[in-house]
N, C-alpha and C. Protein backbone atom coordinates (compact mmCIF):
# COMPACT_ATOMS: atom_id res chain seq x y z
N UNK A 1 0.83 -1.08 -0.11
CA UNK A 1 0.26 0.22 0.13
C UNK A 1 0.83 1.19 0.25
N UNK A 2 1.77 1.32 0.46
CA UNK A 2 2.95 2.42 0.79
C UNK A 2 3.46 2.82 -0.56
N UNK A 3 3.31 1.71 -1.26
CA UNK A 3 4.32 1.80 -2.30
C UNK A 3 3.44 2.90 -3.57
N UNK A 4 1.86 1.91 -3.43
CA UNK A 4 1.24 2.73 -4.11
C UNK A 4 0.96 4.46 -3.72
N UNK A 5 1.18 4.63 -2.72
CA UNK A 5 0.73 6.03 -2.15
C UNK A 5 1.98 6.92 -2.13
N UNK A 6 2.49 6.64 -2.57
CA UNK A 6 4.23 7.20 -3.20
C UNK A 6 4.27 7.62 -4.69
N UNK A 7 3.76 6.61 -5.25
CA UNK A 7 3.96 6.49 -6.92
C UNK A 7 2.26 7.36 -7.04
N UNK A 8 1.49 7.89 -6.24
CA UNK A 8 -0.04 8.66 -6.40
C UNK A 8 0.99 9.79 -6.47
N UNK A 9 2.02 10.01 -5.68
CA UNK A 9 2.16 11.28 -4.73
C UNK A 9 3.52 12.21 -5.80
N UNK A 10 4.08 10.93 -6.43
CA UNK A 10 4.60 11.80 -7.33
C UNK A 10 3.79 11.99 -8.59
N UNK A 11 2.67 11.43 -9.17
CA UNK A 11 2.03 12.00 -10.33
C UNK A 11 1.73 13.20 -9.93
N UNK A 12 0.77 13.26 -8.39
CA UNK A 12 -0.10 15.02 -7.52
C UNK A 12 1.41 15.87 -7.99
N UNK A 13 3.02 15.90 -7.49
CA UNK A 13 3.99 16.29 -7.49
C UNK A 13 4.29 17.28 -8.90
N UNK A 14 4.13 15.49 -9.77
CA UNK A 14 4.20 16.61 -11.47
C UNK A 14 3.14 17.32 -11.73
N UNK A 15 2.19 17.03 -11.00
CA UNK A 15 1.05 18.41 -11.78
C UNK A 15 0.87 19.19 -11.34
N UNK A 16 1.14 19.36 -9.50
CA UNK A 16 0.77 20.29 -8.71
C UNK A 16 2.10 21.04 -8.15
N UNK A 17 3.03 20.35 -8.07
CA UNK A 17 4.65 20.52 -7.77
C UNK A 17 3.88 19.83 -5.71
N UNK A 18 4.85 20.18 -5.06
CA UNK A 18 5.46 19.18 -3.64
C UNK A 18 4.05 19.99 -3.20
N UNK A 19 4.33 21.55 -2.84
CA UNK A 19 3.62 21.73 -2.05
C UNK A 19 1.46 21.37 -2.24
N UNK A 20 1.49 21.76 -3.76
CA UNK A 20 0.11 21.39 -4.46
C UNK A 20 -0.28 20.23 -4.23
N UNK A 21 0.87 18.93 -4.21
CA UNK A 21 0.71 17.62 -3.58
C UNK A 21 -0.32 17.38 -2.60
N UNK A 22 0.41 18.00 -1.94
CA UNK A 22 0.13 17.92 -0.17
C UNK A 22 -1.31 18.62 -0.23
N UNK A 23 -1.46 19.29 -0.61
CA UNK A 23 -3.06 20.33 -0.46
C UNK A 23 -3.62 19.19 -1.06
N UNK A 24 -3.57 18.58 -2.49
CA UNK A 24 -4.61 18.07 -3.21
C UNK A 24 -4.64 16.41 -1.89
N UNK A 25 -3.21 15.49 -1.29
CA UNK A 25 -3.85 14.87 -0.69
C UNK A 25 -5.09 14.82 0.98
N UNK A 26 -4.15 16.19 1.60
CA UNK A 26 -5.24 16.42 2.40
C UNK A 26 -6.35 16.60 2.33
N UNK A 27 -6.91 17.78 0.85
CA UNK A 27 -8.54 17.83 0.39
C UNK A 27 -9.17 16.27 0.00
N UNK A 28 -8.33 15.48 -0.31
CA UNK A 28 -8.64 13.83 -0.38
C UNK A 28 -9.17 13.34 1.00
N UNK A 29 -8.00 13.69 2.09
CA UNK A 29 -8.55 12.54 2.87
C UNK A 29 -9.47 13.72 3.62
N UNK A 30 -9.44 14.67 3.75
CA UNK A 30 -11.08 15.51 4.19
C UNK A 30 -12.35 14.93 3.67
N UNK A 31 -12.38 14.66 2.28
CA UNK A 31 -13.94 14.50 1.49
C UNK A 31 -13.69 12.88 2.21
N UNK A 32 -13.23 12.07 2.18
CA UNK A 32 -12.95 11.24 3.07
C UNK A 32 -14.00 11.07 4.43
N UNK A 33 -13.51 12.20 5.17
CA UNK A 33 -13.96 12.07 6.41
C UNK A 33 -12.82 11.85 7.67
N UNK A 34 -11.62 11.82 7.19
CA UNK A 34 -10.60 11.92 8.56
C UNK A 34 -10.27 13.35 9.19
N UNK A 35 -10.34 12.86 10.11
CA UNK A 35 -10.52 14.28 10.99
C UNK A 35 -8.97 15.06 10.86
N UNK A 36 -9.05 15.94 11.42
CA UNK A 36 -7.58 16.93 11.18
C UNK A 36 -6.84 16.33 11.99
N UNK A 37 -6.74 15.94 12.63
CA UNK A 37 -5.75 15.28 13.87
C UNK A 37 -5.03 14.32 12.83
N UNK A 38 -6.02 13.45 12.52
CA UNK A 38 -5.61 12.28 12.23
C UNK A 38 -4.49 12.49 10.43
N UNK A 39 -5.10 14.02 9.84
CA UNK A 39 -4.34 14.22 8.58
C UNK A 39 -3.19 15.05 9.14
N UNK A 40 -3.40 15.51 10.24
CA UNK A 40 -1.88 16.21 10.59
C UNK A 40 -1.01 15.26 11.23
N UNK A 41 -1.02 14.53 11.64
CA UNK A 41 -0.61 13.52 11.90
C UNK A 41 0.30 12.81 10.48
N UNK A 42 -0.70 11.99 9.45
CA UNK A 42 0.08 12.05 8.34
C UNK A 42 0.49 12.28 7.53
N UNK A 43 0.15 13.92 7.32
CA UNK A 43 0.75 14.54 6.15
C UNK A 43 1.51 15.56 7.33
N UNK A 44 1.69 15.89 8.40
CA UNK A 44 2.51 16.73 8.96
C UNK A 44 1.74 18.56 8.82
N UNK A 45 0.60 18.49 8.56
CA UNK A 45 0.36 20.09 8.13
C UNK A 45 -0.02 20.19 9.23
N UNK A 46 0.41 22.05 10.00
CA UNK A 46 -0.45 22.30 10.97
C UNK A 46 -2.12 22.77 10.98
N UNK A 47 -2.87 22.40 12.12
CA UNK A 47 -4.15 22.37 12.25
C UNK A 47 -4.71 23.16 11.50
N UNK A 48 -4.06 24.61 11.61
CA UNK A 48 -4.55 26.00 11.06
C UNK A 48 -4.78 25.73 9.43
N UNK A 49 -3.90 25.49 8.82
CA UNK A 49 -3.53 24.93 7.50
C UNK A 49 -5.14 24.25 7.64
N UNK A 50 -4.90 23.33 7.71
CA UNK A 50 -6.18 22.10 7.53
C UNK A 50 -7.49 22.91 7.38
N UNK A 51 -7.75 24.01 8.94
CA UNK A 51 -8.84 24.81 8.97
C UNK A 51 -9.05 25.35 7.82
N UNK A 52 -7.74 26.15 7.09
CA UNK A 52 -7.97 26.90 5.90
C UNK A 52 -8.10 26.11 4.85
N UNK A 53 -8.01 25.08 4.71
CA UNK A 53 -8.20 24.17 3.45
C UNK A 53 -10.15 23.64 3.53
N UNK A 54 -10.15 23.56 4.80
CA UNK A 54 -11.22 23.04 5.27
C UNK A 54 -12.51 23.55 4.88
N UNK A 55 -12.15 25.49 5.27
CA UNK A 55 -12.70 26.23 4.44
C UNK A 55 -12.91 26.84 3.12
N UNK A 56 -12.08 26.37 2.57
CA UNK A 56 -11.93 26.81 1.09
C UNK A 56 -12.90 25.41 0.67
N UNK A 57 -12.69 24.12 1.23
CA UNK A 57 -13.45 23.53 0.40
C UNK A 57 -14.73 23.53 0.75
N UNK A 58 -15.12 23.72 2.03
CA UNK A 58 -16.67 24.17 2.80
C UNK A 58 -16.76 25.10 1.36
N UNK A 59 -16.40 26.61 0.94
CA UNK A 59 -16.82 27.21 -0.16
C UNK A 59 -16.72 26.93 -1.05
N UNK A 60 -16.10 25.79 -1.71
CA UNK A 60 -15.89 25.52 -3.47
C UNK A 60 -15.04 26.31 -3.76
N UNK A 61 -13.96 27.18 -2.79
CA UNK A 61 -13.10 28.11 -3.55
C UNK A 61 -11.37 26.92 -3.32
N UNK A 62 -11.44 25.91 -4.07
CA UNK A 62 -9.97 25.64 -3.26
C UNK A 62 -8.79 26.16 -4.44
N UNK A 63 -9.43 26.29 -5.56
CA UNK A 63 -8.32 27.34 -6.15
C UNK A 63 -7.49 28.80 -5.38
N UNK A 64 -8.43 28.55 -4.78
CA UNK A 64 -7.17 29.96 -4.02
C UNK A 64 -6.05 29.21 -3.29
N UNK A 65 -5.94 27.87 -2.95
CA UNK A 65 -5.06 27.05 -2.15
C UNK A 65 -3.76 26.97 -3.16
N UNK A 66 -3.50 27.07 -4.43
CA UNK A 66 -3.17 26.59 -5.38
C UNK A 66 -2.46 27.66 -6.14
N UNK A 67 -2.78 28.59 -5.39
CA UNK A 67 -2.20 30.41 -6.07
C UNK A 67 -0.85 30.34 -4.56
N UNK A 68 0.36 30.76 -5.62
CA UNK A 68 1.08 30.52 -4.87
C UNK A 68 2.01 32.53 -5.07
N UNK A 69 2.11 32.62 -3.49
CA UNK A 69 2.34 34.19 -3.81
C UNK A 69 4.34 34.39 -4.61
N UNK A 70 3.64 35.96 -5.74
CA UNK A 70 4.78 36.09 -5.88
C UNK A 70 5.72 36.89 -5.25
N UNK A 71 6.88 36.40 -5.14
CA UNK A 71 8.11 37.09 -4.49
C UNK A 71 8.95 38.08 -5.28
N UNK A 72 8.56 39.37 -4.65
CA UNK A 72 9.21 40.46 -5.13
C UNK A 72 10.98 40.16 -4.97
N UNK A 73 11.19 40.52 -6.77
CA UNK A 73 12.55 40.15 -6.85
C UNK A 73 13.95 40.96 -6.63
N UNK A 74 14.29 40.10 -5.96
CA UNK A 74 15.82 41.27 -5.13
C UNK A 74 16.37 42.18 -6.07
N UNK A 75 16.75 43.34 -5.78
CA UNK A 75 17.06 44.24 -6.32
C UNK A 75 18.53 44.12 -6.50
N UNK A 76 19.56 44.22 -7.34
CA UNK A 76 20.95 44.18 -7.71
C UNK A 76 21.10 45.31 -8.46
N UNK A 77 22.65 46.14 -7.41
CA UNK A 77 23.39 47.03 -7.76
C UNK A 77 23.40 47.16 -9.25
N UNK A 78 23.65 45.90 -10.01
CA UNK A 78 24.07 45.65 -11.22
C UNK A 78 22.74 46.21 -12.42
N UNK A 79 21.34 46.09 -11.83
CA UNK A 79 20.54 46.61 -12.40
C UNK A 79 20.08 47.67 -12.84
N UNK A 80 20.96 48.74 -12.00
CA UNK A 80 21.22 50.06 -12.68
C UNK A 80 20.98 50.78 -13.66
N UNK A 81 22.56 49.22 -14.18
CA UNK A 81 23.38 49.71 -15.11
C UNK A 81 23.42 48.84 -16.26
N UNK A 82 21.75 48.04 -15.93
CA UNK A 82 21.38 46.96 -17.24
C UNK A 82 21.93 46.74 -18.71
N UNK A 83 21.40 48.43 -19.07
CA UNK A 83 21.35 48.82 -20.24
C UNK A 83 22.58 48.87 -20.81
N UNK A 84 23.05 49.66 -20.01
CA UNK A 84 24.86 49.89 -20.68
C UNK A 84 25.65 48.92 -20.64
N UNK A 85 25.54 47.88 -19.40
CA UNK A 85 26.25 46.46 -19.71
C UNK A 85 25.92 45.45 -21.06
N UNK A 86 24.25 45.53 -21.25
CA UNK A 86 23.92 44.65 -22.02
C UNK A 86 24.45 45.29 -23.41
N UNK A 87 24.26 46.28 -23.58
CA UNK A 87 24.25 46.94 -25.04
C UNK A 87 26.04 46.82 -25.00
N UNK A 88 26.80 46.95 -24.41
CA UNK A 88 28.53 46.86 -24.35
C UNK A 88 28.61 45.24 -24.91
N UNK A 89 28.11 44.42 -23.99
CA UNK A 89 28.25 43.52 -24.27
C UNK A 89 27.64 42.52 -25.90
N UNK A 90 26.61 43.12 -26.23
CA UNK A 90 25.76 43.17 -27.71
C UNK A 90 27.07 43.58 -29.04
N UNK A 91 27.60 44.46 -28.04
CA UNK A 91 28.75 44.80 -29.79
C UNK A 91 29.23 43.67 -29.36
N UNK A 92 30.53 44.40 -28.21
CA UNK A 92 31.32 42.46 -27.78
C UNK A 92 31.28 41.96 -27.11
N UNK A 93 30.38 40.44 -27.43
CA UNK A 93 30.43 39.59 -26.33
C UNK A 93 31.21 39.07 -25.62
N UNK A 94 31.58 38.66 -24.41
CA UNK A 94 33.06 38.61 -23.24
C UNK A 94 32.90 37.32 -24.25
N UNK A 95 34.56 36.53 -24.13
CA UNK A 95 34.08 35.26 -24.35
C UNK A 95 34.16 34.51 -23.00
N UNK A 96 34.34 35.02 -21.51
CA UNK A 96 34.43 34.55 -20.60
C UNK A 96 33.70 34.99 -19.74
N UNK A 97 33.50 34.06 -18.59
CA UNK A 97 32.50 35.07 -17.34
C UNK A 97 33.91 36.19 -16.87
N UNK A 98 35.21 35.85 -16.34
CA UNK A 98 36.12 36.55 -16.16
C UNK A 98 36.23 37.83 -16.04
N UNK A 99 35.92 37.43 -18.09
CA UNK A 99 36.25 38.82 -18.82
C UNK A 99 35.04 39.68 -18.54
N UNK A 100 33.91 38.96 -18.38
CA UNK A 100 32.65 40.13 -18.50
C UNK A 100 32.92 40.57 -16.90
N UNK A 101 33.18 39.79 -15.70
CA UNK A 101 33.65 40.46 -14.46
C UNK A 101 34.43 42.02 -14.69
N UNK A 102 35.18 41.56 -14.95
CA UNK A 102 36.32 42.75 -15.39
C UNK A 102 35.48 44.03 -16.34
N UNK A 103 35.20 43.69 -17.36
CA UNK A 103 34.25 44.62 -18.22
C UNK A 103 33.23 45.29 -17.50
N UNK A 104 32.57 44.96 -16.55
CA UNK A 104 31.52 45.25 -15.73
C UNK A 104 32.73 45.79 -14.54
N UNK A 105 32.63 45.57 -14.15
CA UNK A 105 33.25 46.14 -13.39
C UNK A 105 34.30 47.77 -13.59
N UNK A 106 34.51 47.76 -14.88
CA UNK A 106 35.19 48.95 -15.40
C UNK A 106 33.87 49.50 -15.77
N UNK A 107 32.99 49.27 -16.28
CA UNK A 107 31.97 50.00 -16.49
C UNK A 107 31.67 50.43 -15.83
N UNK A 108 31.06 50.15 -14.66
CA UNK A 108 30.18 50.39 -13.50
C UNK A 108 30.84 50.63 -11.96
N UNK A 109 32.38 50.15 -12.31
CA UNK A 109 32.83 50.16 -10.56
C UNK A 109 32.24 48.89 -9.70
N UNK A 110 31.46 47.97 -10.12
CA UNK A 110 30.80 47.26 -9.22
C UNK A 110 31.67 46.02 -9.49
N UNK A 111 31.89 45.44 -8.32
CA UNK A 111 32.55 43.59 -8.37
C UNK A 111 31.47 42.81 -7.98
N UNK A 112 31.35 42.16 -8.64
CA UNK A 112 30.05 40.88 -8.13
C UNK A 112 30.95 39.25 -8.26
N UNK A 113 30.50 38.40 -7.39
CA UNK A 113 31.40 37.19 -7.51
C UNK A 113 31.27 36.26 -9.18
N UNK A 114 32.22 35.18 -9.44
CA UNK A 114 31.60 34.70 -10.60
C UNK A 114 30.24 34.15 -10.85
N UNK A 115 29.91 33.52 -9.37
CA UNK A 115 28.81 32.86 -8.93
C UNK A 115 27.67 33.91 -9.85
N UNK A 116 27.75 34.76 -8.66
CA UNK A 116 26.46 35.97 -8.89
C UNK A 116 26.53 36.67 -9.83
N UNK A 117 27.57 36.52 -10.73
CA UNK A 117 27.42 37.17 -12.24
C UNK A 117 26.73 36.31 -12.81
N UNK A 118 27.28 35.24 -12.79
CA UNK A 118 26.75 34.19 -13.76
C UNK A 118 25.30 33.94 -13.55
N UNK A 119 24.51 34.38 -12.07
CA UNK A 119 23.48 34.06 -12.45
C UNK A 119 22.85 35.09 -12.95
N UNK A 120 23.31 36.34 -12.65
CA UNK A 120 22.34 37.61 -12.85
C UNK A 120 22.72 37.57 -14.82
N UNK A 121 23.59 37.46 -15.82
CA UNK A 121 23.52 36.90 -16.77
C UNK A 121 22.89 36.59 -17.49
N UNK A 122 22.96 35.06 -16.57
CA UNK A 122 21.82 34.14 -16.98
C UNK A 122 20.33 34.27 -16.81
N UNK A 123 19.86 35.77 -16.18
CA UNK A 123 18.65 35.71 -16.18
C UNK A 123 18.58 36.96 -16.83
N UNK A 124 19.47 37.03 -17.32
CA UNK A 124 19.26 38.67 -19.06
C UNK A 124 19.60 37.20 -20.40
N UNK A 125 19.40 36.11 -20.38
CA UNK A 125 19.33 35.44 -21.81
C UNK A 125 21.05 35.39 -21.75
N UNK A 126 22.03 35.56 -21.21
CA UNK A 126 23.36 34.60 -21.73
C UNK A 126 23.22 33.32 -20.95
N UNK A 127 24.00 32.62 -22.00
CA UNK A 127 23.95 30.88 -21.77
C UNK A 127 25.58 30.75 -21.56
N UNK A 128 25.80 30.38 -20.62
CA UNK A 128 27.18 30.09 -20.55
C UNK A 128 27.72 28.74 -20.78
N UNK A 129 28.87 28.54 -21.94
CA UNK A 129 29.31 27.74 -22.43
C UNK A 129 29.97 26.81 -21.84
N UNK A 130 29.82 25.47 -22.15
CA UNK A 130 30.69 25.09 -21.54
C UNK A 130 31.89 23.74 -22.34
């Protein structure tokens, strides 16, 4: 029985993500009349969370349980110079991340680690060659 549960959980995670799968399992258990303390023990969900799920289930508004709040993106000092950096890189693309690091420091006076710089550039469409 446990193997079947694991397979179903993996399928739910594929469609709903980890958090969504947990919500679906809790909702299913609620519809079968399993009590909140039993669900809490099986799923590890807080009672206040289960009460929120029950309220959404009773009101028919379960879509609200699957909305993930969008986090505000952290601001990087490089964002202020983004247009200048990208224009320079379009004109003469850097061959290495270290070269990009040096050129950005020359353009802006800002130095970032290679890792952070790679992440920043990747978010702007630059692909790191391997």
